[in-house]
Amino acid sequence: AVASGFGIGAIVGMTGVGGGSLMTPLLISVFKLNPAVAIGTDL
């Protein structure tokens, strides 16, 4: 999770906006969260 946060943070830092959109699908595909829980965590 720390490594995933680092990667998403790096994308956000490089792109300004848009990179954070990858967090929810990452939570669903890698951490197998329910979509609703992934959305709440990403918010």
All heavy atoms as atom14 arrays in JSON, in Angstrom:
{
  "sequence": "AVASGFGIGAIVGMTGVGGGSLMTPLLISVFKLNPAVAIGTDL",
  "atom14_mask": [
    [1, 1, 1, 1, 1, 0, 0, 0, 0, 0, 0, 0, 0, 0],
    [1, 1, 1, 1, 1, 1, 1, 0, 0, 0, 0, 0, 0, 0],
    [1, 1, 1, 1, 1, 0, 0, 0, 0, 0, 0, 0, 0, 0],
    [1, 1, 1, 1, 1, 1, 0, 0, 0, 0, 0, 0, 0, 0],
    [1, 1, 1, 1, 0, 0, 0, 0, 0, 0, 0, 0, 0, 0],
    [1, 1, 1, 1, 1, 1, 1, 1, 1, 1, 1, 0, 0, 0],
    [1, 1, 1, 1, 0, 0, 0, 0, 0, 0, 0, 0, 0, 0],
    [1, 1, 1, 1, 1, 1, 1, 1, 0, 0, 0, 0, 0, 0],
    [1, 1, 1, 1, 0, 0, 0, 0, 0, 0, 0, 0, 0, 0],
    [1, 1, 1, 1, 1, 0, 0, 0, 0, 0, 0, 0, 0, 0],
    [1, 1, 1, 1, 1, 1, 1, 1, 0, 0, 0, 0, 0, 0],
    [1, 1, 1, 1, 1, 1, 1, 0, 0, 0, 0, 0, 0, 0],
    [1, 1, 1, 1, 0, 0, 0, 0, 0, 0, 0, 0, 0, 0],
    [1, 1, 1, 1, 1, 1, 1, 1, 0, 0, 0, 0, 0, 0],
    [1, 1, 1, 1, 1, 1, 1, 0, 0, 0, 0, 0, 0, 0],
    [1, 1, 1, 1, 0, 0, 0, 0, 0, 0, 0, 0, 0, 0],
    [1, 1, 1, 1, 1, 1, 1, 0, 0, 0, 0, 0, 0, 0],
    [1, 1, 1, 1, 0, 0, 0, 0, 0, 0, 0, 0, 0, 0],
    [1, 1, 1, 1, 0, 0, 0, 0, 0, 0, 0, 0, 0, 0],
    [1, 1, 1, 1, 0, 0, 0, 0, 0, 0, 0, 0, 0, 0],
    [1, 1, 1, 1, 1, 1, 0, 0, 0, 0, 0, 0, 0, 0],
    [1, 1, 1, 1, 1, 1, 1, 1, 0, 0, 0, 0, 0, 0],
    [1, 1, 1, 1, 1, 1, 1, 1, 0, 0, 0, 0, 0, 0],
    [1, 1, 1, 1, 1, 1, 1, 0, 0, 0, 0, 0, 0, 0],
    [1, 1, 1, 1, 1, 1, 1, 0, 0, 0, 0, 0, 0, 0],
    [1, 1, 1, 1, 1, 1, 1, 1, 0, 0, 0, 0, 0, 0],
    [1, 1, 1, 1, 1, 1, 1, 1, 0, 0, 0, 0, 0, 0],
    [1, 1, 1, 1, 1, 1, 1, 1, 0, 0, 0, 0, 0, 0],
    [1, 1, 1, 1, 1, 1, 0, 0, 0, 0, 0, 0, 0, 0],
    [1, 1, 1, 1, 1, 1, 1, 0, 0, 0, 0, 0, 0, 0],
    [1, 1, 1, 1, 1, 1, 1, 1, 1, 1, 1, 0, 0, 0],
    [1, 1, 1, 1, 1, 1, 1, 1, 1, 0, 0, 0, 0, 0],
    [1, 1, 1, 1, 1, 1, 1, 1, 0, 0, 0, 0, 0, 0],
    [1, 1, 1, 1, 1, 1, 1, 1, 0, 0, 0, 0, 0, 0],
    [1, 1, 1, 1, 1, 1, 1, 0, 0, 0, 0, 0, 0, 0],
    [1, 1, 1, 1, 1, 0, 0, 0, 0, 0, 0, 0, 0, 0],
    [1, 1, 1, 1, 1, 1, 1, 0, 0, 0, 0, 0, 0, 0],
    [1, 1, 1, 1, 1, 0, 0, 0, 0, 0, 0, 0, 0, 0],
    [1, 1, 1, 1, 1, 1, 1, 1, 0, 0, 0, 0, 0, 0],
    [1, 1, 1, 1, 0, 0, 0, 0, 0, 0, 0, 0, 0, 0],
    [1, 1, 1, 1, 1, 1, 1, 0, 0, 0, 0, 0, 0, 0],
    [1, 1, 1, 1, 1, 1, 1, 1, 0, 0, 0, 0, 0, 0],
    [1, 1, 1, 1, 1, 1, 1, 1, 0, 0, 0, 0, 0, 0]
  ],
  "atom14_positions": [
    [[0.83, -1.21, 0.0], [0.0, 0.0, 0.0], [0.87, 1.26, 0.0], [0.57, 2.24, -0.69], [-0.93, -0.01, 1.21], [0.0, 0.0, 0.0], [0.0, 0.0, 0.0], [0.0, 0.0, 0.0], [0.0, 0.0, 0.0], [0.0, 0.0, 0.0], [0.0, 0.0, 0.0], [0.0, 0.0, 0.0], [0.0, 0.0, 0.0], [0.0, 0.0, 0.0]],
    [[1.95, 1.24, 0.78], [2.87, 2.4, 0.8], [3.46, 2.62, -0.59], [3.51, 3.76, -1.08], [3.99, 2.17, 1.84], [5.02, 3.3, 1.75], [3.41, 2.11, 3.25], [0.0, 0.0, 0.0], [0.0, 0.0, 0.0], [0.0, 0.0, 0.0], [0.0, 0.0, 0.0], [0.0, 0.0, 0.0], [0.0, 0.0, 0.0], [0.0, 0.0, 0.0]],
    [[3.91, 1.52, -1.25], [4.47, 1.63, -2.59], [3.43, 2.12, -3.59], [3.73, 2.93, -4.48], [5.03, 0.28, -3.03], [0.0, 0.0, 0.0], [0.0, 0.0, 0.0], [0.0, 0.0, 0.0], [0.0, 0.0, 0.0], [0.0, 0.0, 0.0], [0.0, 0.0, 0.0], [0.0, 0.0, 0.0], [0.0, 0.0, 0.0], [0.0, 0.0, 0.0]],
    [[2.19, 1.65, -3.44], [1.11, 2.09, -4.33], [0.84, 3.58, -4.14], [0.66, 4.32, -5.11], [-0.16, 1.29, -4.07], [0.05, -0.09, -4.3], [0.0, 0.0, 0.0], [0.0, 0.0, 0.0], [0.0, 0.0, 0.0], [0.0, 0.0, 0.0], [0.0, 0.0, 0.0], [0.0, 0.0, 0.0], [0.0, 0.0, 0.0], [0.0, 0.0, 0.0]],
    [[0.79, 4.02, -2.88], [0.59, 5.43, -2.6], [1.71, 6.28, -3.18], [1.47, 7.37, -3.71], [0.0, 0.0, 0.0], [0.0, 0.0, 0.0], [0.0, 0.0, 0.0], [0.0, 0.0, 0.0], [0.0, 0.0, 0.0], [0.0, 0.0, 0.0], [0.0, 0.0, 0.0], [0.0, 0.0, 0.0], [0.0, 0.0, 0.0], [0.0, 0.0, 0.0]],
    [[2.94, 5.75, -3.09], [4.09, 6.47, -3.66], [3.93, 6.62, -5.17], [4.17, 7.71, -5.72], [5.38, 5.71, -3.34], [6.62, 6.36, -3.87], [7.26, 7.36, -3.15], [7.15, 5.99, -5.1], [8.41, 7.98, -3.65], [8.29, 6.59, -5.6], [8.92, 7.58, -4.87], [0.0, 0.0, 0.0], [0.0, 0.0, 0.0], [0.0, 0.0, 0.0]],
    [[3.53, 5.54, -5.83], [3.37, 5.59, -7.29], [2.28, 6.54, -7.72], [2.47, 7.35, -8.64], [0.0, 0.0, 0.0], [0.0, 0.0, 0.0], [0.0, 0.0, 0.0], [0.0, 0.0, 0.0], [0.0, 0.0, 0.0], [0.0, 0.0, 0.0], [0.0, 0.0, 0.0], [0.0, 0.0, 0.0], [0.0, 0.0, 0.0], [0.0, 0.0, 0.0]],
    [[1.13, 6.48, -7.05], [0.03, 7.38, -7.38], [0.42, 8.82, -7.07], [0.13, 9.74, -7.84], [-1.24, 7.0, -6.6], [-1.75, 5.63, -7.05], [-2.32, 8.06, -6.79], [-2.23, 5.56, -8.47], [0.0, 0.0, 0.0], [0.0, 0.0, 0.0], [0.0, 0.0, 0.0], [0.0, 0.0, 0.0], [0.0, 0.0, 0.0], [0.0, 0.0, 0.0]],
    [[1.12, 9.03, -5.94], [1.57, 10.37, -5.6], [2.51, 10.94, -6.65], [2.43, 12.12, -7.0], [0.0, 0.0, 0.0], [0.0, 0.0, 0.0], [0.0, 0.0, 0.0], [0.0, 0.0, 0.0], [0.0, 0.0, 0.0], [0.0, 0.0, 0.0], [0.0, 0.0, 0.0], [0.0, 0.0, 0.0], [0.0, 0.0, 0.0], [0.0, 0.0, 0.0]],
    [[3.4, 10.09, -7.17], [4.33, 10.55, -8.21], [3.58, 10.96, -9.47], [3.92, 11.97, -10.12], [5.33, 9.44, -8.54], [0.0, 0.0, 0.0], [0.0, 0.0, 0.0], [0.0, 0.0, 0.0], [0.0, 0.0, 0.0], [0.0, 0.0, 0.0], [0.0, 0.0, 0.0], [0.0, 0.0, 0.0], [0.0, 0.0, 0.0], [0.0, 0.0, 0.0]],
    [[2.53, 10.2, -9.83], [1.72, 10.54, -11.01], [1.0, 11.85, -10.8], [0.94, 12.71, -11.69], [0.73, 9.4, -11.32], [1.49, 8.15, -11.76], [-0.25, 9.82, -12.42], [0.62, 6.91, -11.9], [0.0, 0.0, 0.0], [0.0, 0.0, 0.0], [0.0, 0.0, 0.0], [0.0, 0.0, 0.0], [0.0, 0.0, 0.0], [0.0, 0.0, 0.0]],
    [[0.43, 12.03, -9.6], [-0.26, 13.28, -9.29], [0.72, 14.45, -9.36], [0.41, 15.51, -9.89], [-0.91, 13.21, -7.89], [-1.46, 14.57, -7.48], [-2.03, 12.17, -7.88], [0.0, 0.0, 0.0], [0.0, 0.0, 0.0], [0.0, 0.0, 0.0], [0.0, 0.0, 0.0], [0.0, 0.0, 0.0], [0.0, 0.0, 0.0], [0.0, 0.0, 0.0]],
    [[1.92, 14.26, -8.83], [2.93, 15.32, -8.86], [3.35, 15.68, -10.27], [3.62, 16.85, -10.57], [0.0, 0.0, 0.0], [0.0, 0.0, 0.0], [0.0, 0.0, 0.0], [0.0, 0.0, 0.0], [0.0, 0.0, 0.0], [0.0, 0.0, 0.0], [0.0, 0.0, 0.0], [0.0, 0.0, 0.0], [0.0, 0.0, 0.0], [0.0, 0.0, 0.0]],
    [[3.4, 14.68, -11.16], [3.82, 14.93, -12.55], [2.73, 15.55, -13.4], [2.99, 16.38, -14.26], [4.29, 13.62, -13.2], [5.66, 13.15, -12.77], [6.26, 11.75, -13.74], [5.2, 10.43, -13.13], [0.0, 0.0, 0.0], [0.0, 0.0, 0.0], [0.0, 0.0, 0.0], [0.0, 0.0, 0.0], [0.0, 0.0, 0.0], [0.0, 0.0, 0.0]],
    [[1.47, 15.14, -13.17], [0.39, 15.56, -14.06], [-0.44, 16.71, -13.52], [-1.18, 17.34, -14.27], [-0.56, 14.38, -14.34], [-1.12, 13.94, -13.1], [0.17, 13.23, -14.99], [0.0, 0.0, 0.0], [0.0, 0.0, 0.0], [0.0, 0.0, 0.0], [0.0, 0.0, 0.0], [0.0, 0.0, 0.0], [0.0, 0.0, 0.0], [0.0, 0.0, 0.0]],
    [[-0.36, 16.98, -12.23], [-1.16, 18.04, -11.64], [-2.57, 17.58, -11.34], [-2.97, 17.47, -10.19], [0.0, 0.0, 0.0], [0.0, 0.0, 0.0], [0.0, 0.0, 0.0], [0.0, 0.0, 0.0], [0.0, 0.0, 0.0], [0.0, 0.0, 0.0], [0.0, 0.0, 0.0], [0.0, 0.0, 0.0], [0.0, 0.0, 0.0], [0.0, 0.0, 0.0]],
    [[-3.35, 17.28, -12.38], [-4.7, 16.75, -12.19], [-4.83, 15.5, -13.05], [-4.15, 15.34, -14.05], [-5.78, 17.78, -12.6], [-5.79, 18.96, -11.68], [-5.59, 18.21, -14.04], [0.0, 0.0, 0.0], [0.0, 0.0, 0.0], [0.0, 0.0, 0.0], [0.0, 0.0, 0.0], [0.0, 0.0, 0.0], [0.0, 0.0, 0.0], [0.0, 0.0, 0.0]],
    [[-5.73, 14.62, -12.63], [-5.98, 13.41, -13.42], [-5.32, 12.17, -12.87], [-5.86, 11.08, -12.95], [0.0, 0.0, 0.0], [0.0, 0.0, 0.0], [0.0, 0.0, 0.0], [0.0, 0.0, 0.0], [0.0, 0.0, 0.0], [0.0, 0.0, 0.0], [0.0, 0.0, 0.0], [0.0, 0.0, 0.0], [0.0, 0.0, 0.0], [0.0, 0.0, 0.0]],
    [[-4.11, 12.33, -12.31], [-3.4, 11.16, -11.81], [-4.13, 10.48, -10.66], [-4.1, 9.26, -10.52], [0.0, 0.0, 0.0], [0.0, 0.0, 0.0], [0.0, 0.0, 0.0], [0.0, 0.0, 0.0], [0.0, 0.0, 0.0], [0.0, 0.0, 0.0], [0.0, 0.0, 0.0], [0.0, 0.0, 0.0], [0.0, 0.0, 0.0], [0.0, 0.0, 0.0]],
    [[-4.8, 11.27, -9.83], [-5.54, 10.71, -8.72], [-6.67, 9.79, -9.15], [-7.17, 8.99, -8.36], [0.0, 0.0, 0.0], [0.0, 0.0, 0.0], [0.0, 0.0, 0.0], [0.0, 0.0, 0.0], [0.0, 0.0, 0.0], [0.0, 0.0, 0.0], [0.0, 0.0, 0.0], [0.0, 0.0, 0.0], [0.0, 0.0, 0.0], [0.0, 0.0, 0.0]],
    [[-7.1, 9.91, -10.4], [-8.17, 9.05, -10.91], [-7.78, 7.59, -10.94], [-8.64, 6.72, -11.06], [-8.56, 9.5, -12.33], [-8.9, 10.86, -12.36], [0.0, 0.0, 0.0], [0.0, 0.0, 0.0], [0.0, 0.0, 0.0], [0.0, 0.0, 0.0], [0.0, 0.0, 0.0], [0.0, 0.0, 0.0], [0.0, 0.0, 0.0], [0.0, 0.0, 0.0]],
    [[-6.5, 7.31, -10.85], [-6.04, 5.91, -10.88], [-6.16, 5.23, -9.53], [-6.07, 4.01, -9.44], [-4.57, 5.86, -11.34], [-4.3, 6.32, -12.76], [-2.8, 6.36, -13.03], [-4.99, 5.41, -13.76], [0.0, 0.0, 0.0], [0.0, 0.0, 0.0], [0.0, 0.0, 0.0], [0.0, 0.0, 0.0], [0.0, 0.0, 0.0], [0.0, 0.0, 0.0]],
    [[-6.4, 5.99, -8.45], [-6.43, 5.4, -7.13], [-7.58, 4.43, -6.94], [-7.4, 3.3, -6.45], [-6.51, 6.5, -6.05], [-6.58, 5.97, -4.62], [-5.19, 4.89, -4.21], [-3.9, 6.12, -3.93], [0.0, 0.0, 0.0], [0.0, 0.0, 0.0], [0.0, 0.0, 0.0], [0.0, 0.0, 0.0], [0.0, 0.0, 0.0], [0.0, 0.0, 0.0]],
    [[-8.79, 4.82, -7.34], [-9.94, 3.93, -7.14], [-9.82, 2.62, -7.91], [-10.01, 1.55, -7.32], [-11.26, 4.65, -7.5], [-11.4, 5.8, -6.67], [-12.46, 3.75, -7.29], [0.0, 0.0, 0.0], [0.0, 0.0, 0.0], [0.0, 0.0, 0.0], [0.0, 0.0, 0.0], [0.0, 0.0, 0.0], [0.0, 0.0, 0.0], [0.0, 0.0, 0.0]],
    [[-9.49, 2.64, -9.23], [-9.3, 1.35, -9.9], [-8.17, 0.51, -9.31], [-8.23, -0.72, -9.31], [-9.03, 1.72, -11.36], [-8.75, 3.17, -11.36], [-9.44, 3.76, -10.18], [0.0, 0.0, 0.0], [0.0, 0.0, 0.0], [0.0, 0.0, 0.0], [0.0, 0.0, 0.0], [0.0, 0.0, 0.0], [0.0, 0.0, 0.0], [0.0, 0.0, 0.0]],
    [[-7.13, 1.18, -8.78], [-6.05, 0.45, -8.12], [-6.56, -0.26, -6.86], [-6.23, -1.43, -6.62], [-4.92, 1.41, -7.75], [-3.72, 0.79, -7.02], [-2.83, 0.05, -8.02], [-2.9, 1.85, -6.29], [0.0, 0.0, 0.0], [0.0, 0.0, 0.0], [0.0, 0.0, 0.0], [0.0, 0.0, 0.0], [0.0, 0.0, 0.0], [0.0, 0.0, 0.0]],
    [[-7.38, 0.43, -6.09], [-7.93, -0.16, -4.87], [-8.84, -1.35, -5.19], [-8.9, -2.32, -4.43], [-8.72, 0.89, -4.08], [-7.91, 2.04, -3.48], [-8.83, 3.09, -2.87], [-6.93, 1.52, -2.44], [0.0, 0.0, 0.0], [0.0, 0.0, 0.0], [0.0, 0.0, 0.0], [0.0, 0.0, 0.0], [0.0, 0.0, 0.0], [0.0, 0.0, 0.0]],
    [[-9.51, -1.27, -6.33], [-10.41, -2.37, -6.71], [-9.62, -3.56, -7.24], [-9.86, -4.71, -6.85], [-11.42, -1.89, -7.77], [-12.36, -0.84, -7.17], [-12.23, -3.07, -8.33], [-13.27, -0.18, -8.18], [0.0, 0.0, 0.0], [0.0, 0.0, 0.0], [0.0, 0.0, 0.0], [0.0, 0.0, 0.0], [0.0, 0.0, 0.0], [0.0, 0.0, 0.0]],
    [[-8.65, -3.3, -8.13], [-7.95, -4.39, -8.82], [-6.83, -5.01, -7.98], [-6.66, -6.23, -7.97], [-7.37, -3.89, -10.15], [-6.45, -2.82, -9.93], [0.0, 0.0, 0.0], [0.0, 0.0, 0.0], [0.0, 0.0, 0.0], [0.0, 0.0, 0.0], [0.0, 0.0, 0.0], [0.0, 0.0, 0.0], [0.0, 0.0, 0.0], [0.0, 0.0, 0.0]],
    [[-6.07, -4.2, -7.26], [-4.92, -4.71, -6.5], [-5.33, -5.12, -5.08], [-4.96, -6.19, -4.61], [-3.79, -3.67, -6.46], [-2.65, -4.15, -5.56], [-3.28, -3.38, -7.86], [0.0, 0.0, 0.0], [0.0, 0.0, 0.0], [0.0, 0.0, 0.0], [0.0, 0.0, 0.0], [0.0, 0.0, 0.0], [0.0, 0.0, 0.0], [0.0, 0.0, 0.0]],
    [[-6.11, -4.28, -4.41], [-6.45, -4.55, -3.01], [-7.82, -5.22, -2.85], [-8.24, -5.48, -1.73], [-6.39, -3.24, -2.21], [-5.02, -2.65, -2.15], [-4.64, -1.65, -3.04], [-4.08, -3.11, -1.24], [-3.36, -1.11, -3.01], [-2.8, -2.57, -1.2], [-2.44, -1.58, -2.09], [0.0, 0.0, 0.0], [0.0, 0.0, 0.0], [0.0, 0.0, 0.0]],
    [[-8.49, -5.46, -3.99], [-9.75, -6.23, -4.02], [-10.82, -5.62, -3.11], [-11.59, -6.34, -2.47], [-9.51, -7.69, -3.61], [-8.39, -8.37, -4.39], [-8.66, -8.38, -5.89], [-7.53, -9.06, -6.65], [-7.71, -8.98, -8.13], [0.0, 0.0, 0.0], [0.0, 0.0, 0.0], [0.0, 0.0, 0.0], [0.0, 0.0, 0.0], [0.0, 0.0, 0.0]],
    [[-10.86, -4.29, -3.05], [-11.9, -3.64, -2.25], [-13.22, -3.62, -3.02], [-13.24, -3.56, -4.25], [-11.51, -2.2, -1.91], [-10.31, -1.98, -0.99], [-10.19, -0.5, -0.65], [-10.42, -2.8, 0.29], [0.0, 0.0, 0.0], [0.0, 0.0, 0.0], [0.0, 0.0, 0.0], [0.0, 0.0, 0.0], [0.0, 0.0, 0.0], [0.0, 0.0, 0.0]],
    [[-14.31, -3.66, -2.27], [-15.62, -3.42, -2.87], [-15.6, -2.03, -3.51], [-15.01, -1.09, -2.94], [-16.67, -3.48, -1.75], [-18.06, -3.16, -2.23], [-18.39, -2.01, -2.46], [-18.88, -4.18, -2.36], [0.0, 0.0, 0.0], [0.0, 0.0, 0.0], [0.0, 0.0, 0.0], [0.0, 0.0, 0.0], [0.0, 0.0, 0.0], [0.0, 0.0, 0.0]],
    [[-16.22, -1.84, -4.71], [-16.18, -0.52, -5.36], [-16.61, 0.63, -4.46], [-16.01, 1.7, -4.49], [-17.14, -0.7, -6.54], [-17.05, -2.14, -6.88], [-16.87, -2.84, -5.56], [0.0, 0.0, 0.0], [0.0, 0.0, 0.0], [0.0, 0.0, 0.0], [0.0, 0.0, 0.0], [0.0, 0.0, 0.0], [0.0, 0.0, 0.0], [0.0, 0.0, 0.0]],
    [[-17.65, 0.42, -3.64], [-18.11, 1.49, -2.75], [-17.04, 1.85, -1.72], [-16.8, 3.03, -1.43], [-19.39, 1.05, -2.05], [0.0, 0.0, 0.0], [0.0, 0.0, 0.0], [0.0, 0.0, 0.0], [0.0, 0.0, 0.0], [0.0, 0.0, 0.0], [0.0, 0.0, 0.0], [0.0, 0.0, 0.0], [0.0, 0.0, 0.0], [0.0, 0.0, 0.0]],
    [[-16.36, 0.85, -1.17], [-15.29, 1.1, -0.19], [-14.09, 1.76, -0.86], [-13.45, 2.66, -0.29], [-14.87, -0.21, 0.5], [-13.73, 0.04, 1.48], [-16.05, -0.83, 1.23], [0.0, 0.0, 0.0], [0.0, 0.0, 0.0], [0.0, 0.0, 0.0], [0.0, 0.0, 0.0], [0.0, 0.0, 0.0], [0.0, 0.0, 0.0], [0.0, 0.0, 0.0]],
    [[-13.78, 1.34, -2.09], [-12.68, 1.96, -2.83], [-12.97, 3.43, -3.1], [-12.08, 4.29, -2.96], [-12.47, 1.21, -4.15], [0.0, 0.0, 0.0], [0.0, 0.0, 0.0], [0.0, 0.0, 0.0], [0.0, 0.0, 0.0], [0.0, 0.0, 0.0], [0.0, 0.0, 0.0], [0.0, 0.0, 0.0], [0.0, 0.0, 0.0], [0.0, 0.0, 0.0]],
    [[-14.2, 3.75, -3.45], [-14.59, 5.14, -3.73], [-14.49, 5.98, -2.47], [-13.94, 7.09, -2.47], [-16.01, 5.18, -4.32], [-15.99, 4.63, -5.76], [-16.58, 6.6, -4.31], [-17.36, 4.34, -6.33], [0.0, 0.0, 0.0], [0.0, 0.0, 0.0], [0.0, 0.0, 0.0], [0.0, 0.0, 0.0], [0.0, 0.0, 0.0], [0.0, 0.0, 0.0]],
    [[-15.01, 5.47, -1.35], [-14.94, 6.22, -0.09], [-13.52, 6.44, 0.38], [-13.17, 7.54, 0.84], [0.0, 0.0, 0.0], [0.0, 0.0, 0.0], [0.0, 0.0, 0.0], [0.0, 0.0, 0.0], [0.0, 0.0, 0.0], [0.0, 0.0, 0.0], [0.0, 0.0, 0.0], [0.0, 0.0, 0.0], [0.0, 0.0, 0.0], [0.0, 0.0, 0.0]],
    [[-12.67, 5.42, 0.24], [-11.27, 5.55, 0.64], [-10.54, 6.57, -0.24], [-9.75, 7.38, 0.25], [-10.56, 4.18, 0.55], [-11.27, 3.23, 1.36], [-9.13, 4.27, 1.04], [0.0, 0.0, 0.0], [0.0, 0.0, 0.0], [0.0, 0.0, 0.0], [0.0, 0.0, 0.0], [0.0, 0.0, 0.0], [0.0, 0.0, 0.0], [0.0, 0.0, 0.0]],
    [[-10.83, 6.54, -1.54], [-10.19, 7.48, -2.46], [-10.62, 8.92, -2.18], [-9.83, 9.85, -2.31], [-10.51, 7.1, -3.9], [-9.82, 8.01, -4.91], [-8.68, 8.42, -4.65], [-10.42, 8.31, -5.96], [0.0, 0.0, 0.0], [0.0, 0.0, 0.0], [0.0, 0.0, 0.0], [0.0, 0.0, 0.0], [0.0, 0.0, 0.0], [0.0, 0.0, 0.0]],
    [[-11.88, 9.11, -1.8], [-12.35, 10.47, -1.47], [-11.55, 11.07, -0.31], [-11.15, 12.24, -0.36], [-13.84, 10.43, -1.13], [-14.79, 10.28, -2.33], [-16.2, 9.94, -1.85], [-14.8, 11.56, -3.17], [0.0, 0.0, 0.0], [0.0, 0.0, 0.0], [0.0, 0.0, 0.0], [0.0, 0.0, 0.0], [0.0, 0.0, 0.0], [0.0, 0.0, 0.0]]
  ]
}
